[in-house]
Amino acid sequence: MGPERKLYQKIKKCFTDFSLIRLENSSLLGTPDLLVCNASGHFFTIELKTTKANKIRFSPHQISFHERHPKNTFILVQALGPGTIKLFEGRFIQDLVREGFKYPGACSLELDACRLYLQSL
């Protein structure tokens, strides 16, 4: 099982009050990994990423998606090794491309805090 699949399994266990739909779309490149609905009925997408270093790898299609859809999109990144997890709004995609995991604009740190943040939308 790859690192992003393991991250999804963690999310599935933690986000029990959410409806999570795993999107595996080969016809529309750049589509985020998850379509999510919280308990309030608010829909949003989450792109899952893992990194071994500071750099976060995005395809041009993923960058384009987040530039075209700056609202209700999120990027959840896990740094492998220490296991730190950060949640970023999709509108910060260019900052993440430039500055990587160290970019200071995270909405939340660690999985439970990310869950609480997304629950409050």
N, C-alpha and C. Protein backbone atom coordinates (compact mmCIF):
# COMPACT_ATOMS: atom_id res chain seq x y z
N MET A 1 0.85 -1.18 0.00
CA MET A 1 0.00 0.00 0.00
C MET A 1 0.90 1.24 0.00
N GLY A 2 0.62 2.16 -0.93
CA GLY A 2 1.41 3.38 -1.05
C GLY A 2 1.13 4.37 0.06
N PRO A 3 1.98 5.39 0.20
CA PRO A 3 1.82 6.35 1.29
C PRO A 3 0.53 7.17 1.22
N GLU A 4 0.06 7.53 0.01
CA GLU A 4 -1.19 8.29 -0.07
C GLU A 4 -2.39 7.41 0.29
N ARG A 5 -2.32 6.15 -0.07
CA ARG A 5 -3.39 5.20 0.30
C ARG A 5 -3.43 5.04 1.83
N LYS A 6 -2.25 4.96 2.46
CA LYS A 6 -2.20 4.87 3.93
C LYS A 6 -2.77 6.13 4.57
N LEU A 7 -2.47 7.29 3.98
CA LEU A 7 -3.03 8.55 4.48
C LEU A 7 -4.54 8.53 4.37
N TYR A 8 -5.06 8.05 3.26
CA TYR A 8 -6.52 7.96 3.09
C TYR A 8 -7.13 7.05 4.16
N GLN A 9 -6.47 5.95 4.47
CA GLN A 9 -6.98 5.04 5.51
C GLN A 9 -7.05 5.75 6.87
N LYS A 10 -6.05 6.57 7.18
CA LYS A 10 -6.06 7.36 8.43
C LYS A 10 -7.24 8.32 8.43
N ILE A 11 -7.45 8.98 7.32
CA ILE A 11 -8.54 9.95 7.21
C ILE A 11 -9.88 9.24 7.40
N LYS A 12 -10.03 8.10 6.75
CA LYS A 12 -11.28 7.34 6.85
C LYS A 12 -11.60 6.98 8.31
N LYS A 13 -10.59 6.62 9.07
CA LYS A 13 -10.79 6.27 10.47
C LYS A 13 -11.10 7.48 11.34
N CYS A 14 -10.53 8.62 11.01
CA CYS A 14 -10.68 9.83 11.83
C CYS A 14 -11.93 10.64 11.46
N PHE A 15 -12.28 10.67 10.19
CA PHE A 15 -13.38 11.52 9.69
C PHE A 15 -14.68 10.74 9.64
N THR A 16 -15.09 10.16 10.75
CA THR A 16 -16.27 9.28 10.76
C THR A 16 -17.59 10.04 10.56
N ASP A 17 -17.63 11.33 10.86
CA ASP A 17 -18.86 12.11 10.69
C ASP A 17 -18.98 12.72 9.29
N PHE A 18 -18.08 12.38 8.39
CA PHE A 18 -18.07 12.94 7.04
C PHE A 18 -18.46 11.87 6.03
N SER A 19 -19.03 12.31 4.93
CA SER A 19 -19.23 11.43 3.78
C SER A 19 -18.01 11.62 2.89
N LEU A 20 -17.22 10.58 2.72
CA LEU A 20 -16.00 10.64 1.91
C LEU A 20 -16.20 9.83 0.64
N ILE A 21 -15.98 10.46 -0.50
CA ILE A 21 -16.06 9.77 -1.77
C ILE A 21 -14.69 9.86 -2.43
N ARG A 22 -14.07 8.72 -2.60
CA ARG A 22 -12.74 8.66 -3.24
C ARG A 22 -12.94 8.79 -4.74
N LEU A 23 -12.34 9.81 -5.32
CA LEU A 23 -12.46 10.06 -6.76
C LEU A 23 -11.25 9.49 -7.48
N GLU A 24 -11.49 8.58 -8.37
CA GLU A 24 -10.41 8.02 -9.19
C GLU A 24 -10.81 8.30 -10.62
N ASN A 25 -10.39 9.46 -11.10
CA ASN A 25 -10.86 9.97 -12.37
C ASN A 25 -9.73 10.04 -13.38
N SER A 26 -9.71 9.13 -14.32
CA SER A 26 -8.67 9.15 -15.34
C SER A 26 -9.07 9.98 -16.55
N SER A 27 -10.34 10.40 -16.61
CA SER A 27 -10.77 11.19 -17.77
C SER A 27 -10.63 12.70 -17.54
N LEU A 28 -10.62 13.13 -16.29
CA LEU A 28 -10.46 14.55 -15.99
C LEU A 28 -9.25 14.70 -15.07
N LEU A 29 -8.09 14.87 -15.69
CA LEU A 29 -6.83 14.94 -14.94
C LEU A 29 -6.83 16.15 -14.00
N GLY A 30 -6.25 15.97 -12.83
CA GLY A 30 -6.14 17.05 -11.85
C GLY A 30 -7.26 17.06 -10.83
N THR A 31 -8.28 16.22 -11.02
CA THR A 31 -9.38 16.16 -10.06
C THR A 31 -8.85 15.71 -8.70
N PRO A 32 -9.22 16.40 -7.60
CA PRO A 32 -8.74 16.01 -6.27
C PRO A 32 -9.14 14.58 -5.89
N ASP A 33 -8.48 14.05 -4.89
CA ASP A 33 -8.67 12.66 -4.48
C ASP A 33 -9.99 12.40 -3.78
N LEU A 34 -10.49 13.38 -3.04
CA LEU A 34 -11.71 13.16 -2.25
C LEU A 34 -12.75 14.24 -2.48
N LEU A 35 -14.00 13.81 -2.59
CA LEU A 35 -15.15 14.70 -2.52
C LEU A 35 -15.74 14.44 -1.14
N VAL A 36 -15.90 15.50 -0.35
CA VAL A 36 -16.29 15.35 1.05
C VAL A 36 -17.51 16.19 1.35
N CYS A 37 -18.40 15.64 2.19
CA CYS A 37 -19.54 16.39 2.70
C CYS A 37 -19.50 16.27 4.22
N ASN A 38 -19.48 17.43 4.91
CA ASN A 38 -19.46 17.38 6.37
C ASN A 38 -20.88 17.25 6.91
N ALA A 39 -21.04 17.17 8.22
CA ALA A 39 -22.34 16.96 8.85
C ALA A 39 -23.31 18.11 8.59
N SER A 40 -22.80 19.30 8.25
CA SER A 40 -23.65 20.44 7.96
C SER A 40 -24.12 20.46 6.51
N GLY A 41 -23.66 19.49 5.71
CA GLY A 41 -24.04 19.43 4.30
C GLY A 41 -23.15 20.25 3.39
N HIS A 42 -22.00 20.69 3.89
CA HIS A 42 -21.07 21.50 3.11
C HIS A 42 -20.14 20.58 2.32
N PHE A 43 -20.10 20.76 0.99
CA PHE A 43 -19.23 19.97 0.12
C PHE A 43 -17.91 20.68 -0.14
N PHE A 44 -16.84 19.90 -0.23
CA PHE A 44 -15.53 20.42 -0.59
C PHE A 44 -14.68 19.26 -1.09
N THR A 45 -13.53 19.58 -1.68
CA THR A 45 -12.62 18.55 -2.16
C THR A 45 -11.31 18.61 -1.37
N ILE A 46 -10.65 17.47 -1.33
CA ILE A 46 -9.34 17.38 -0.68
C ILE A 46 -8.39 16.63 -1.60
N GLU A 47 -7.26 17.25 -1.87
CA GLU A 47 -6.16 16.60 -2.58
C GLU A 47 -5.21 16.04 -1.52
N LEU A 48 -4.88 14.76 -1.60
CA LEU A 48 -3.98 14.13 -0.64
C LEU A 48 -2.57 14.10 -1.20
N LYS A 49 -1.62 14.49 -0.39
CA LYS A 49 -0.22 14.48 -0.79
C LYS A 49 0.64 13.97 0.36
N THR A 50 1.71 13.30 0.01
CA THR A 50 2.73 12.92 0.99
C THR A 50 4.06 13.40 0.45
N THR A 51 4.98 13.67 1.36
CA THR A 51 6.29 14.13 0.95
C THR A 51 7.35 13.59 1.91
N LYS A 52 8.51 13.29 1.36
CA LYS A 52 9.64 12.85 2.17
C LYS A 52 10.53 14.02 2.56
N ALA A 53 10.38 15.11 1.84
CA ALA A 53 11.19 16.30 2.08
C ALA A 53 10.25 17.51 2.11
N ASN A 54 10.75 18.67 1.87
CA ASN A 54 9.94 19.88 1.88
C ASN A 54 9.09 20.01 0.61
N LYS A 55 9.64 19.59 -0.53
CA LYS A 55 8.95 19.76 -1.81
C LYS A 55 7.70 18.89 -1.89
N ILE A 56 6.61 19.51 -2.38
CA ILE A 56 5.36 18.79 -2.62
C ILE A 56 5.18 18.73 -4.13
N ARG A 57 4.99 17.55 -4.66
CA ARG A 57 4.87 17.38 -6.11
C ARG A 57 3.42 17.49 -6.56
N PHE A 58 3.18 18.41 -7.47
CA PHE A 58 1.87 18.61 -8.07
C PHE A 58 2.00 18.48 -9.58
N SER A 59 1.01 17.88 -10.21
CA SER A 59 0.99 17.86 -11.67
C SER A 59 0.48 19.22 -12.15
N PRO A 60 0.78 19.58 -13.39
CA PRO A 60 0.23 20.83 -13.93
C PRO A 60 -1.30 20.85 -13.89
N HIS A 61 -1.93 19.68 -14.05
CA HIS A 61 -3.39 19.59 -14.00
C HIS A 61 -3.92 19.88 -12.59
N GLN A 62 -3.21 19.39 -11.58
CA GLN A 62 -3.63 19.66 -10.19
C GLN A 62 -3.49 21.14 -9.88
N ILE A 63 -2.42 21.75 -10.32
CA ILE A 63 -2.22 23.19 -10.10
C ILE A 63 -3.33 23.96 -10.78
N SER A 64 -3.62 23.61 -12.01
CA SER A 64 -4.68 24.28 -12.76
C SER A 64 -6.03 24.14 -12.08
N PHE A 65 -6.34 22.94 -11.58
CA PHE A 65 -7.61 22.73 -10.90
C PHE A 65 -7.77 23.69 -9.73
N HIS A 66 -6.75 23.78 -8.89
CA HIS A 66 -6.84 24.63 -7.70
C HIS A 66 -6.82 26.11 -8.04
N GLU A 67 -6.18 26.48 -9.13
CA GLU A 67 -6.24 27.88 -9.56
C GLU A 67 -7.64 28.23 -10.08
N ARG A 68 -8.27 27.30 -10.78
CA ARG A 68 -9.62 27.53 -11.31
C ARG A 68 -10.70 27.42 -10.23
N HIS A 69 -10.42 26.67 -9.17
CA HIS A 69 -11.39 26.45 -8.09
C HIS A 69 -10.75 26.80 -6.74
N PRO A 70 -10.60 28.08 -6.45
CA PRO A 70 -9.88 28.48 -5.23
C PRO A 70 -10.71 28.34 -3.95
N LYS A 71 -12.01 28.13 -4.06
CA LYS A 71 -12.86 28.02 -2.86
C LYS A 71 -13.32 26.58 -2.69
N ASN A 72 -13.47 26.18 -1.43
CA ASN A 72 -13.96 24.85 -1.08
C ASN A 72 -13.06 23.73 -1.59
N THR A 73 -11.77 24.03 -1.76
CA THR A 73 -10.78 23.01 -2.11
C THR A 73 -9.66 23.06 -1.09
N PHE A 74 -9.16 21.89 -0.75
CA PHE A 74 -8.11 21.79 0.26
C PHE A 74 -7.03 20.82 -0.19
N ILE A 75 -5.85 20.98 0.38
CA ILE A 75 -4.73 20.08 0.13
C ILE A 75 -4.24 19.62 1.49
N LEU A 76 -4.29 18.32 1.73
CA LEU A 76 -3.85 17.75 3.00
C LEU A 76 -2.54 17.03 2.73
N VAL A 77 -1.49 17.47 3.41
CA VAL A 77 -0.14 16.95 3.15
C VAL A 77 0.42 16.31 4.42
N GLN A 78 0.99 15.13 4.24
CA GLN A 78 1.66 14.45 5.35
C GLN A 78 3.15 14.37 5.03
N ALA A 79 3.96 14.83 5.97
CA ALA A 79 5.41 14.67 5.86
C ALA A 79 5.76 13.28 6.39
N LEU A 80 6.27 12.44 5.52
CA LEU A 80 6.64 11.09 5.95
C LEU A 80 7.85 11.17 6.86
N GLY A 81 7.95 10.27 7.75
CA GLY A 81 9.02 10.31 8.76
C GLY A 81 8.41 10.80 10.05
N PRO A 82 8.39 12.13 10.27
CA PRO A 82 7.79 12.63 11.50
C PRO A 82 6.27 12.46 11.51
N GLY A 83 5.66 12.30 10.34
CA GLY A 83 4.22 12.07 10.28
C GLY A 83 3.37 13.31 10.47
N THR A 84 3.96 14.48 10.43
CA THR A 84 3.22 15.72 10.59
C THR A 84 2.25 15.90 9.43
N ILE A 85 1.02 16.34 9.74
CA ILE A 85 0.00 16.57 8.73
C ILE A 85 -0.42 18.03 8.78
N LYS A 86 -0.54 18.63 7.58
CA LYS A 86 -0.99 20.02 7.48
C LYS A 86 -2.12 20.10 6.45
N LEU A 87 -3.07 20.99 6.71
CA LEU A 87 -4.17 21.25 5.79
C LEU A 87 -4.04 22.66 5.25
N PHE A 88 -4.07 22.79 3.92
CA PHE A 88 -3.97 24.08 3.26
C PHE A 88 -5.20 24.31 2.38
N GLU A 89 -5.60 25.56 2.24
CA GLU A 89 -6.65 25.89 1.29
C GLU A 89 -6.06 25.78 -0.11
N GLY A 90 -6.88 25.33 -1.06
CA GLY A 90 -6.43 25.15 -2.43
C GLY A 90 -5.94 26.43 -3.08
N ARG A 91 -6.44 27.56 -2.62
CA ARG A 91 -6.03 28.83 -3.22
C ARG A 91 -4.54 29.14 -3.01
N PHE A 92 -3.90 28.41 -2.12
CA PHE A 92 -2.48 28.62 -1.85
C PHE A 92 -1.58 27.66 -2.65
N ILE A 93 -2.11 27.07 -3.70
CA ILE A 93 -1.35 26.07 -4.48
C ILE A 93 -0.02 26.62 -4.98
N GLN A 94 0.02 27.84 -5.48
CA GLN A 94 1.27 28.39 -5.99
C GLN A 94 2.30 28.59 -4.87
N ASP A 95 1.82 28.97 -3.69
CA ASP A 95 2.72 29.11 -2.54
C ASP A 95 3.31 27.75 -2.14
N LEU A 96 2.48 26.71 -2.22
CA LEU A 96 2.96 25.36 -1.89
C LEU A 96 3.96 24.87 -2.93
N VAL A 97 3.73 25.21 -4.19
CA VAL A 97 4.68 24.85 -5.24
C VAL A 97 6.03 25.52 -4.97
N ARG A 98 5.99 26.81 -4.62
CA ARG A 98 7.22 27.57 -4.38
C ARG A 98 7.90 27.20 -3.07
N GLU A 99 7.14 27.16 -1.98
CA GLU A 99 7.74 27.03 -0.64
C GLU A 99 7.65 25.63 -0.05
N GLY A 100 6.78 24.78 -0.58
CA GLY A 100 6.66 23.42 -0.11
C GLY A 100 5.97 23.30 1.24
N PHE A 101 6.28 22.20 1.94
CA PHE A 101 5.64 21.86 3.21
C PHE A 101 5.88 22.91 4.29
N LYS A 102 6.95 23.66 4.16
CA LYS A 102 7.27 24.68 5.17
C LYS A 102 6.42 25.95 5.03
N TYR A 103 5.61 26.03 3.96
CA TYR A 103 4.77 27.21 3.78
C TYR A 103 3.94 27.42 5.04
N PRO A 104 3.95 28.64 5.62
CA PRO A 104 3.32 28.87 6.93
C PRO A 104 1.79 29.08 6.90
N GLY A 105 1.16 28.94 5.74
CA GLY A 105 -0.27 29.27 5.63
C GLY A 105 -1.23 28.13 5.89
N ALA A 106 -0.84 27.15 6.68
CA ALA A 106 -1.74 26.01 6.95
C ALA A 106 -2.95 26.43 7.77
N CYS A 107 -4.11 25.86 7.44
CA CYS A 107 -5.34 26.08 8.22
C CYS A 107 -5.26 25.34 9.55
N SER A 108 -4.69 24.13 9.48
CA SER A 108 -4.64 23.27 10.66
C SER A 108 -3.41 22.38 10.61
N LEU A 109 -3.01 21.95 11.79
CA LEU A 109 -1.90 21.02 11.93
C LEU A 109 -2.40 19.77 12.65
N GLU A 110 -2.01 18.63 12.18
CA GLU A 110 -2.37 17.32 12.71
C GLU A 110 -3.80 16.94 12.32
N LEU A 111 -4.03 15.66 12.19
CA LEU A 111 -5.26 15.15 11.59
C LEU A 111 -6.52 15.52 12.35
N ASP A 112 -6.50 15.42 13.67
CA ASP A 112 -7.71 15.73 14.43
C ASP A 112 -8.07 17.21 14.32
N ALA A 113 -7.09 18.09 14.33
CA ALA A 113 -7.35 19.51 14.16
C ALA A 113 -7.88 19.81 12.75
N CYS A 114 -7.38 19.08 11.76
CA CYS A 114 -7.89 19.25 10.40
C CYS A 114 -9.36 18.83 10.34
N ARG A 115 -9.69 17.73 11.00
CA ARG A 115 -11.07 17.25 11.04
C ARG A 115 -11.98 18.30 11.67
N LEU A 116 -11.56 18.87 12.79
CA LEU A 116 -12.37 19.89 13.47
C LEU A 116 -12.54 21.14 12.60
N TYR A 117 -11.48 21.53 11.91
CA TYR A 117 -11.56 22.70 11.02
C TYR A 117 -12.59 22.46 9.91
N LEU A 118 -12.48 21.29 9.26
CA LEU A 118 -13.39 20.98 8.16
C LEU A 118 -14.82 20.75 8.64
N GLN A 119 -14.96 20.29 9.85
CA GLN A 119 -16.29 20.11 10.44
C GLN A 119 -16.98 21.44 10.67
N SER A 120 -16.20 22.49 10.91
CA SER A 120 -16.76 23.80 11.22
C SER A 120 -17.22 24.58 9.98
N LEU A 121 -16.92 24.08 8.79
CA LEU A 121 -17.29 24.80 7.57
C LEU A 121 -18.81 24.82 7.37
